[in-house]
Amino acid sequence: MSFTHVFITRPLKESQELAAMLSPLGLQTIVQPAFNFFPQDIQASQPDVYDEMSLAGPGTLVVFTSPRAVAHGLSQLPDTIRFQSRIAAIGPATAKALANAGIRVNVIPAKGYTSEALLETLSGEDSALTGGRPFAFIIAAPGGRQVLFDSLTDNGWRTRMVMAYRPEPAVLDKAELSKLHDASGVLSVWTSANTIKALSQRLQPAAWFQLSQGDWLVISERLRRLARAYGPVRIHLASGPGNPELFSAIRNLN
């Protein structure tokens, strides 16, 4: 397999970090985030949910869905819920961010880093140990983690989405995208379904066609299944969602 360019769609900081990691490999990188993320005031935007968090008991489950959810959401939570609830992390990177902030993580997927992996771990718990399925608060961005929300609700949790940050479409970088003209082969890196959908709608048809005719690298089986609908030549699976795992996968492919 041969590709000359890597198209990176992560938020700007993470994309730039991955691009710097790839530089020694002699690959050209094209950094085009789909979104920028901004904090959102939970108490002002969701006062009813904030009040429920303030009154939640010790059996409450708080799920952090990404390191970004930790960065934007943790400091906004009432002290009672931060220090008395059972804290769940979607994966090791999120657990590390919580640990760095001095928060003990009680639940982490036994394997994997997806909503499905976390749900599998939670399903094995005795409901008597969790207070009979009380409140579950999911710290996320609007439009995300619907599978997690629905599954927790179906299993008896009083589930609430807590919107700690919001995505806004990133400006399309014409200078970066112009690099596609010189690309004889492109590997595209995708870390979320929303990113694929957003850029498929916003990029010029010729640019999107070029990407869809190349190889794609994704971070989960669920995302690989979704990616098939967009028609890339080959879809590869990274071992994790972080830049070290993405770098390792790209190095092994090149």
Protein backbone atom coordinates (compact mmCIF):
# COMPACT_ATOMS: atom_id res chain seq x y z
CA MET A 1 0.00 0.00 0.00
CA SER A 2 1.25 3.48 -0.82
CA PHE A 3 -0.02 6.89 0.15
CA THR A 4 1.75 10.22 0.14
CA HIS A 5 -0.67 12.29 2.22
CA VAL A 6 -2.60 11.83 5.47
CA PHE A 7 -5.84 13.76 5.85
CA ILE A 8 -6.41 14.49 9.56
CA THR A 9 -9.85 15.54 10.81
CA ARG A 10 -9.39 15.73 14.59
CA PRO A 11 -9.85 19.02 16.49
CA LEU A 12 -7.04 21.43 15.64
CA LYS A 13 -4.73 20.81 18.61
CA GLU A 14 -4.94 17.02 18.32
CA SER A 15 -4.58 17.19 14.53
CA GLN A 16 -1.44 19.33 14.78
CA GLU A 17 0.05 16.94 17.36
CA LEU A 18 -0.56 13.95 15.09
CA ALA A 19 0.85 15.83 12.09
CA ALA A 20 4.05 16.54 14.05
CA MET A 21 4.34 12.87 15.01
CA LEU A 22 4.02 11.85 11.34
CA SER A 23 6.58 14.31 10.02
CA PRO A 24 9.61 11.99 10.47
CA LEU A 25 7.86 9.37 8.32
CA GLY A 26 8.11 11.65 5.28
CA LEU A 27 4.36 11.89 4.87
CA GLN A 28 2.56 15.09 3.89
CA THR A 29 -0.27 15.95 6.24
CA ILE A 30 -3.48 17.85 5.54
CA VAL A 31 -5.08 19.22 8.70
CA GLN A 32 -8.78 19.96 8.31
CA PRO A 33 -10.81 19.72 11.51
CA ALA A 34 -14.54 19.28 11.15
CA PHE A 35 -15.34 21.07 14.41
CA ASN A 36 -14.02 23.40 17.06
CA PHE A 37 -15.30 22.83 20.60
CA PHE A 38 -16.30 25.45 23.16
CA PRO A 39 -17.39 25.16 26.79
CA GLN A 40 -21.06 25.52 27.60
CA ASP A 41 -22.40 26.74 30.95
CA ILE A 42 -24.36 23.78 32.33
CA GLN A 43 -26.13 25.67 35.10
CA ALA A 44 -27.31 28.41 32.72
CA SER A 45 -28.24 26.18 29.77
CA GLN A 46 -29.69 23.20 31.69
CA PRO A 47 -30.85 24.52 35.08
CA ASP A 48 -33.23 21.59 35.71
CA VAL A 49 -30.49 19.01 35.06
CA TYR A 50 -28.06 20.98 37.24
CA ASP A 51 -30.59 20.98 40.09
CA GLU A 52 -31.02 17.21 39.73
CA MET A 53 -27.25 16.77 39.94
CA SER A 54 -27.17 18.88 43.11
CA LEU A 55 -29.73 16.60 44.76
CA ALA A 56 -28.43 13.27 43.44
CA GLY A 57 -27.58 10.60 45.98
CA PRO A 58 -24.43 8.50 46.41
CA GLY A 59 -25.63 5.82 43.98
CA THR A 60 -25.55 8.30 41.10
CA LEU A 61 -23.50 7.37 38.04
CA VAL A 62 -21.58 10.09 36.18
CA VAL A 63 -20.20 9.07 32.78
CA PHE A 64 -17.44 11.11 31.17
CA THR A 65 -17.40 10.38 27.45
CA SER A 66 -14.02 11.87 26.48
CA PRO A 67 -11.06 13.82 27.84
CA ARG A 68 -12.79 16.88 26.39
CA ALA A 69 -15.83 16.17 28.58
CA VAL A 70 -13.50 16.13 31.57
CA ALA A 71 -11.83 19.40 30.56
CA HIS A 72 -15.09 21.26 30.00
CA GLY A 73 -17.46 19.52 32.39
CA LEU A 74 -15.71 18.42 35.56
CA SER A 75 -15.22 21.85 37.12
CA GLN A 76 -18.87 22.73 36.48
CA LEU A 77 -20.36 19.84 38.44
CA PRO A 78 -21.63 20.35 41.99
CA ASP A 79 -19.14 19.16 44.61
CA THR A 80 -21.63 16.61 45.93
CA ILE A 81 -21.77 14.79 42.62
CA ARG A 82 -18.06 15.08 41.88
CA PHE A 83 -16.98 13.47 45.12
CA GLN A 84 -19.90 11.21 46.14
CA SER A 85 -20.98 9.65 42.84
CA ARG A 86 -19.66 6.63 41.00
CA ILE A 87 -17.52 7.99 38.18
CA ALA A 88 -17.31 6.14 34.87
CA ALA A 89 -14.83 6.82 32.05
CA ILE A 90 -15.43 5.77 28.46
CA GLY A 91 -11.82 4.63 28.07
CA PRO A 92 -8.26 4.89 29.35
CA ALA A 93 -7.54 8.39 28.02
CA THR A 94 -10.64 9.74 29.78
CA ALA A 95 -9.74 7.84 32.95
CA LYS A 96 -6.26 9.37 32.85
CA ALA A 97 -7.70 12.88 32.48
CA LEU A 98 -9.91 12.28 35.51
CA ALA A 99 -7.04 10.86 37.55
CA ASN A 100 -4.90 13.87 36.67
CA ALA A 101 -7.70 16.05 38.06
CA GLY A 102 -7.74 14.09 41.31
CA ILE A 103 -10.95 12.17 40.60
CA ARG A 104 -11.17 8.46 41.35
CA VAL A 105 -12.65 6.41 38.51
CA ASN A 106 -14.95 3.62 39.66
CA VAL A 107 -16.03 2.19 36.30
CA ILE A 108 -13.97 1.74 33.14
CA PRO A 109 -14.64 -0.72 30.30
CA ALA A 110 -12.93 -4.05 30.83
CA LYS A 111 -11.87 -3.80 27.20
CA GLY A 112 -12.29 -1.19 24.51
CA TYR A 113 -13.16 2.49 24.66
CA THR A 114 -16.69 2.72 23.21
CA SER A 115 -20.20 3.17 24.56
CA GLU A 116 -20.85 -0.51 23.88
CA ALA A 117 -17.79 -1.57 25.89
CA LEU A 118 -18.83 0.57 28.85
CA LEU A 119 -22.39 -0.75 28.69
CA GLU A 120 -21.10 -4.31 28.72
CA THR A 121 -19.11 -3.59 31.87
CA LEU A 122 -22.07 -1.89 33.57
CA SER A 123 -24.42 -4.72 32.65
CA GLY A 124 -22.34 -7.11 34.72
CA GLU A 125 -22.87 -5.13 37.91
CA ASP A 126 -25.32 -6.03 40.63
CA SER A 127 -28.03 -3.36 40.69
CA ALA A 128 -28.16 -3.64 44.49
CA LEU A 129 -24.62 -2.27 44.60
CA THR A 130 -25.65 0.81 42.61
CA GLY A 131 -28.73 1.74 44.62
CA GLY A 132 -31.26 0.16 42.27
CA ARG A 133 -30.33 2.17 39.16
CA PRO A 134 -30.77 5.83 40.25
CA PHE A 135 -29.64 8.82 38.20
CA ALA A 136 -27.05 8.51 35.44
CA PHE A 137 -25.57 11.73 34.05
CA ILE A 138 -23.69 11.58 30.74
CA ILE A 139 -21.20 14.42 30.29
CA ALA A 140 -21.01 15.00 26.54
CA ALA A 141 -21.66 17.38 23.66
CA PRO A 142 -25.04 17.88 21.94
CA GLY A 143 -25.91 15.10 19.52
CA GLY A 144 -23.51 12.50 20.90
CA ARG A 145 -23.72 9.22 22.79
CA GLN A 146 -27.36 8.45 21.98
CA VAL A 147 -26.69 4.70 22.12
CA LEU A 148 -25.34 5.08 25.65
CA PHE A 149 -28.30 7.23 26.71
CA ASP A 150 -30.90 4.86 25.29
CA SER A 151 -29.28 1.74 26.70
CA LEU A 152 -28.90 3.14 30.22
CA THR A 153 -32.51 4.33 30.15
CA ASP A 154 -33.73 0.94 28.94
CA ASN A 155 -31.87 -0.66 31.84
CA GLY A 156 -33.70 1.42 34.43
CA TRP A 157 -31.38 4.40 34.93
CA ARG A 158 -32.90 7.87 35.16
CA THR A 159 -30.60 9.14 32.46
CA ARG A 160 -29.76 12.75 31.72
CA MET A 161 -27.50 14.23 29.05
CA VAL A 162 -25.30 17.02 30.42
CA MET A 163 -24.07 19.28 27.63
CA ALA A 164 -20.74 20.58 28.91
CA TYR A 165 -19.44 21.80 25.56
CA ARG A 166 -20.67 22.44 22.08
CA PRO A 167 -19.24 21.84 18.61
CA GLU A 168 -19.14 24.50 15.92
CA PRO A 169 -18.09 23.87 12.31
CA ALA A 170 -14.43 24.67 11.73
CA VAL A 171 -13.48 26.97 8.86
CA LEU A 172 -12.39 25.08 5.76
CA ASP A 173 -8.68 25.76 5.28
CA LYS A 174 -8.18 26.39 1.56
CA ALA A 175 -4.38 26.25 1.83
CA GLU A 176 -4.46 22.87 3.53
CA LEU A 177 -7.09 21.46 1.19
CA SER A 178 -5.08 22.59 -1.84
CA LYS A 179 -2.49 19.97 -0.89
CA LEU A 180 -4.94 17.34 -2.17
CA HIS A 181 -4.09 18.45 -5.72
CA ASP A 182 -0.58 16.98 -5.40
CA ALA A 183 -1.60 13.82 -3.56
CA SER A 184 -1.09 10.57 -5.44
CA GLY A 185 -2.56 8.64 -2.54
CA VAL A 186 -4.47 9.76 0.55
CA LEU A 187 -5.13 8.06 3.88
CA SER A 188 -7.96 9.78 5.77
CA VAL A 189 -8.17 9.60 9.57
CA TRP A 190 -11.68 9.56 11.08
CA THR A 191 -12.49 9.47 14.79
CA SER A 192 -16.24 10.14 14.85
CA ALA A 193 -19.36 9.63 12.77
CA ASN A 194 -20.27 13.31 13.11
CA THR A 195 -16.94 14.28 11.58
CA ILE A 196 -17.48 12.05 8.55
CA LYS A 197 -20.99 13.39 8.02
CA ALA A 198 -19.98 17.03 8.44
CA LEU A 199 -17.05 16.99 6.03
CA SER A 200 -18.88 14.87 3.47
CA GLN A 201 -21.44 17.69 3.30
CA ARG A 202 -19.06 20.67 3.47
CA LEU A 203 -16.09 19.75 1.27
CA GLN A 204 -16.13 20.46 -2.43
CA PRO A 205 -17.39 17.42 -4.37
CA ALA A 206 -14.01 16.89 -6.07
CA ALA A 207 -12.17 16.90 -2.72
CA TRP A 208 -14.65 14.52 -1.14
CA PHE A 209 -14.50 12.21 -4.14
CA GLN A 210 -10.71 12.07 -3.86
CA LEU A 211 -10.92 11.18 -0.17
CA SER A 212 -13.57 8.54 -0.72
CA GLN A 213 -11.38 6.91 -3.37
CA GLY A 214 -8.53 6.47 -0.92
CA ASP A 215 -7.91 4.51 2.26
CA TRP A 216 -9.58 5.35 5.56
CA LEU A 217 -8.39 4.77 9.12
CA VAL A 218 -11.07 4.56 11.82
CA ILE A 219 -11.03 3.88 15.56
CA SER A 220 -13.84 1.37 16.17
CA GLU A 221 -15.76 -1.45 14.54
CA ARG A 222 -18.94 0.62 14.72
CA LEU A 223 -17.27 3.46 12.84
CA ARG A 224 -15.90 1.00 10.29
CA ARG A 225 -19.42 -0.29 9.61
CA LEU A 226 -20.68 3.26 9.13
CA ALA A 227 -17.71 4.18 6.92
CA ARG A 228 -18.53 1.45 4.40
CA ALA A 229 -21.53 3.49 3.24
CA TYR A 230 -19.15 6.21 1.99
CA GLY A 231 -17.31 3.83 -0.31
CA PRO A 232 -13.60 4.12 0.52
CA VAL A 233 -11.30 1.62 -1.18
CA ARG A 234 -10.06 0.13 2.10
CA ILE A 235 -10.94 0.76 5.73
CA HIS A 236 -8.32 0.13 8.42
CA LEU A 237 -8.84 -0.09 12.17
CA ALA A 238 -6.58 1.59 14.74
CA SER A 239 -6.10 -0.03 18.13
CA GLY A 240 -7.38 3.04 19.97
CA PRO A 241 -8.65 6.61 19.60
CA GLY A 242 -5.55 8.48 20.76
CA ASN A 243 -2.75 9.94 18.67
CA PRO A 244 -0.23 7.25 19.72
CA GLU A 245 -2.55 4.52 18.43
CA LEU A 246 -3.29 6.43 15.23
CA PHE A 247 0.42 7.06 14.64
CA SER A 248 1.23 3.39 15.15
CA ALA A 249 -1.47 2.32 12.69
CA ILE A 250 -0.32 4.81 10.04
CA ARG A 251 3.32 3.80 10.44
CA ASN A 252 2.40 0.15 10.00
CA LEU A 253 0.32 0.91 6.90
CA ASN A 254 2.89 3.07 5.13
